[in-house]
N, C-alpha and C. Protein backbone atom coordinates (compact mmCIF):
# COMPACT_ATOMS: atom_id res chain seq x y z
N LEU A 1 -0.22 3.17 -5.11
CA LEU A 1 -0.05 2.00 -4.28
C LEU A 1 0.57 2.43 -2.97
N TYR A 2 -0.07 2.14 -1.87
CA TYR A 2 0.43 2.45 -0.54
C TYR A 2 0.36 1.17 0.27
N GLY A 3 1.46 0.75 0.86
CA GLY A 3 1.49 -0.53 1.57
C GLY A 3 1.59 -0.36 3.07
N THR A 4 0.96 -1.26 3.77
CA THR A 4 1.06 -1.31 5.22
C THR A 4 1.61 -2.68 5.62
N SER A 5 2.05 -2.80 6.82
CA SER A 5 2.55 -4.05 7.41
C SER A 5 3.92 -4.45 6.87
N CYS A 6 4.47 -5.45 7.51
CA CYS A 6 5.84 -5.87 7.19
C CYS A 6 5.95 -6.57 5.84
N CYS A 7 4.91 -7.20 5.37
CA CYS A 7 4.99 -7.96 4.12
C CYS A 7 5.01 -7.07 2.88
N PHE A 8 4.76 -5.78 3.05
CA PHE A 8 4.79 -4.89 1.89
C PHE A 8 6.18 -4.85 1.27
N ILE A 9 7.21 -5.04 2.08
CA ILE A 9 8.58 -5.00 1.55
C ILE A 9 8.77 -6.10 0.51
N GLU A 10 8.11 -7.23 0.68
CA GLU A 10 8.21 -8.30 -0.30
C GLU A 10 7.45 -7.95 -1.58
N PHE A 11 6.32 -7.28 -1.45
CA PHE A 11 5.60 -6.83 -2.63
C PHE A 11 6.38 -5.73 -3.35
N ALA A 12 7.07 -4.91 -2.59
CA ALA A 12 7.84 -3.81 -3.17
C ALA A 12 8.93 -4.32 -4.10
N SER A 13 9.39 -5.54 -3.90
CA SER A 13 10.42 -6.09 -4.79
C SER A 13 9.89 -6.27 -6.22
N LEU A 14 8.58 -6.37 -6.38
CA LEU A 14 7.99 -6.48 -7.72
C LEU A 14 8.14 -5.19 -8.52
N ILE A 15 8.38 -4.11 -7.83
CA ILE A 15 8.48 -2.82 -8.49
C ILE A 15 9.88 -2.61 -9.05
N GLY A 16 10.81 -3.46 -8.70
CA GLY A 16 12.19 -3.35 -9.18
C GLY A 16 12.30 -3.57 -10.68
N SER A 17 13.48 -3.44 -11.18
CA SER A 17 13.70 -3.49 -12.62
C SER A 17 13.42 -4.86 -13.24
N ARG A 18 13.52 -5.92 -12.46
CA ARG A 18 13.29 -7.26 -13.03
C ARG A 18 11.85 -7.45 -13.49
N PHE A 19 10.89 -6.99 -12.68
CA PHE A 19 9.48 -7.18 -13.01
C PHE A 19 8.85 -5.92 -13.61
N ASP A 20 9.38 -4.77 -13.27
CA ASP A 20 8.96 -3.48 -13.85
C ASP A 20 7.45 -3.26 -13.79
N PHE A 21 6.88 -3.38 -12.60
CA PHE A 21 5.46 -3.11 -12.44
C PHE A 21 5.14 -1.64 -12.65
N ASP A 22 6.15 -0.83 -12.71
CA ASP A 22 6.01 0.59 -12.98
C ASP A 22 5.27 0.84 -14.30
N ARG A 23 5.46 -0.03 -15.25
CA ARG A 23 4.80 0.15 -16.56
C ARG A 23 3.30 -0.04 -16.48
N TYR A 24 2.81 -0.70 -15.42
CA TYR A 24 1.38 -0.87 -15.20
C TYR A 24 0.81 0.21 -14.28
N GLY A 25 1.66 1.12 -13.87
CA GLY A 25 1.21 2.20 -13.00
C GLY A 25 1.30 1.89 -11.52
N LEU A 26 1.92 0.77 -11.16
CA LEU A 26 2.09 0.43 -9.75
C LEU A 26 3.35 1.12 -9.23
N VAL A 27 3.15 2.29 -8.70
CA VAL A 27 4.26 3.08 -8.19
C VAL A 27 4.00 3.32 -6.70
N PRO A 28 4.96 2.97 -5.84
CA PRO A 28 4.74 3.20 -4.41
C PRO A 28 4.62 4.69 -4.11
N ARG A 29 3.73 5.03 -3.22
CA ARG A 29 3.51 6.41 -2.81
C ARG A 29 3.87 6.56 -1.35
N SER A 30 4.27 7.75 -0.97
CA SER A 30 4.67 7.99 0.42
C SER A 30 3.49 8.35 1.30
N SER A 31 2.34 8.55 0.71
CA SER A 31 1.16 8.96 1.47
C SER A 31 -0.08 8.32 0.86
N PRO A 32 -1.06 7.95 1.70
CA PRO A 32 -2.30 7.40 1.15
C PRO A 32 -3.08 8.45 0.36
N ARG A 33 -2.80 9.72 0.57
CA ARG A 33 -3.47 10.78 -0.18
C ARG A 33 -3.13 10.74 -1.67
N GLN A 34 -2.02 10.11 -2.00
CA GLN A 34 -1.57 10.02 -3.39
C GLN A 34 -1.87 8.65 -4.00
N ALA A 35 -2.42 7.74 -3.23
CA ALA A 35 -2.57 6.36 -3.67
C ALA A 35 -3.98 6.06 -4.16
N ASP A 36 -4.08 5.14 -5.10
CA ASP A 36 -5.36 4.62 -5.57
C ASP A 36 -5.67 3.27 -4.94
N LEU A 37 -4.68 2.67 -4.32
CA LEU A 37 -4.81 1.33 -3.76
C LEU A 37 -3.98 1.24 -2.49
N ILE A 38 -4.56 0.65 -1.45
CA ILE A 38 -3.80 0.35 -0.23
C ILE A 38 -3.69 -1.16 -0.14
N LEU A 39 -2.48 -1.64 -0.02
CA LEU A 39 -2.23 -3.06 0.12
C LEU A 39 -1.95 -3.35 1.59
N THR A 40 -2.83 -4.13 2.22
CA THR A 40 -2.66 -4.50 3.62
C THR A 40 -2.30 -5.97 3.66
N ALA A 41 -1.07 -6.25 4.00
CA ALA A 41 -0.59 -7.62 4.06
C ALA A 41 -0.58 -8.07 5.51
N GLY A 42 -1.23 -9.15 5.80
CA GLY A 42 -1.27 -9.64 7.17
C GLY A 42 -2.66 -9.48 7.76
N THR A 43 -2.76 -9.77 9.02
CA THR A 43 -4.03 -9.74 9.73
C THR A 43 -4.33 -8.34 10.23
N VAL A 44 -5.57 -7.91 10.05
CA VAL A 44 -6.01 -6.64 10.62
C VAL A 44 -6.66 -6.95 11.96
N THR A 45 -6.03 -6.50 13.02
CA THR A 45 -6.55 -6.75 14.36
C THR A 45 -7.51 -5.63 14.76
N MET A 46 -8.25 -5.84 15.81
CA MET A 46 -9.18 -4.82 16.31
C MET A 46 -8.42 -3.56 16.72
N LYS A 47 -7.22 -3.74 17.24
CA LYS A 47 -6.41 -2.59 17.66
C LYS A 47 -5.91 -1.80 16.45
N MET A 48 -5.64 -2.48 15.35
CA MET A 48 -5.11 -1.84 14.15
C MET A 48 -6.22 -1.25 13.27
N ALA A 49 -7.43 -1.73 13.40
CA ALA A 49 -8.53 -1.34 12.52
C ALA A 49 -8.78 0.17 12.47
N PRO A 50 -8.82 0.89 13.59
CA PRO A 50 -9.05 2.34 13.50
C PRO A 50 -7.96 3.07 12.71
N SER A 51 -6.74 2.65 12.84
CA SER A 51 -5.65 3.27 12.07
C SER A 51 -5.80 3.00 10.58
N LEU A 52 -6.21 1.78 10.24
CA LEU A 52 -6.40 1.43 8.84
C LEU A 52 -7.58 2.21 8.24
N VAL A 53 -8.63 2.38 9.00
CA VAL A 53 -9.77 3.18 8.54
C VAL A 53 -9.34 4.63 8.31
N ARG A 54 -8.53 5.15 9.21
CA ARG A 54 -8.04 6.53 9.06
C ARG A 54 -7.20 6.66 7.78
N LEU A 55 -6.35 5.67 7.48
CA LEU A 55 -5.58 5.68 6.24
C LEU A 55 -6.50 5.63 5.02
N TYR A 56 -7.51 4.77 5.09
CA TYR A 56 -8.45 4.63 3.98
C TYR A 56 -9.19 5.94 3.71
N GLU A 57 -9.57 6.63 4.77
CA GLU A 57 -10.29 7.89 4.62
C GLU A 57 -9.42 8.99 4.03
N GLN A 58 -8.11 8.85 4.08
CA GLN A 58 -7.21 9.84 3.51
C GLN A 58 -7.02 9.65 2.00
N MET A 59 -7.46 8.52 1.49
CA MET A 59 -7.31 8.26 0.05
C MET A 59 -8.24 9.17 -0.75
N PRO A 60 -7.83 9.52 -1.98
CA PRO A 60 -8.72 10.32 -2.83
C PRO A 60 -9.92 9.49 -3.27
N GLU A 61 -10.98 10.16 -3.64
CA GLU A 61 -12.20 9.49 -4.10
C GLU A 61 -11.99 8.76 -5.39
């Protein structure tokens, strides 16, 4: 799991001990190269799109 945008911090709270999403394999990663899922919270603008595509291309197959 790799998050972008400001709203990821709210999703990250689900990984804490109260909800323990860790047991389902939802573990935050520091790089998209290690992630199976990218969570993009918010609007993807035309200016942001190339950066998001670059992140997506770094993910493993």
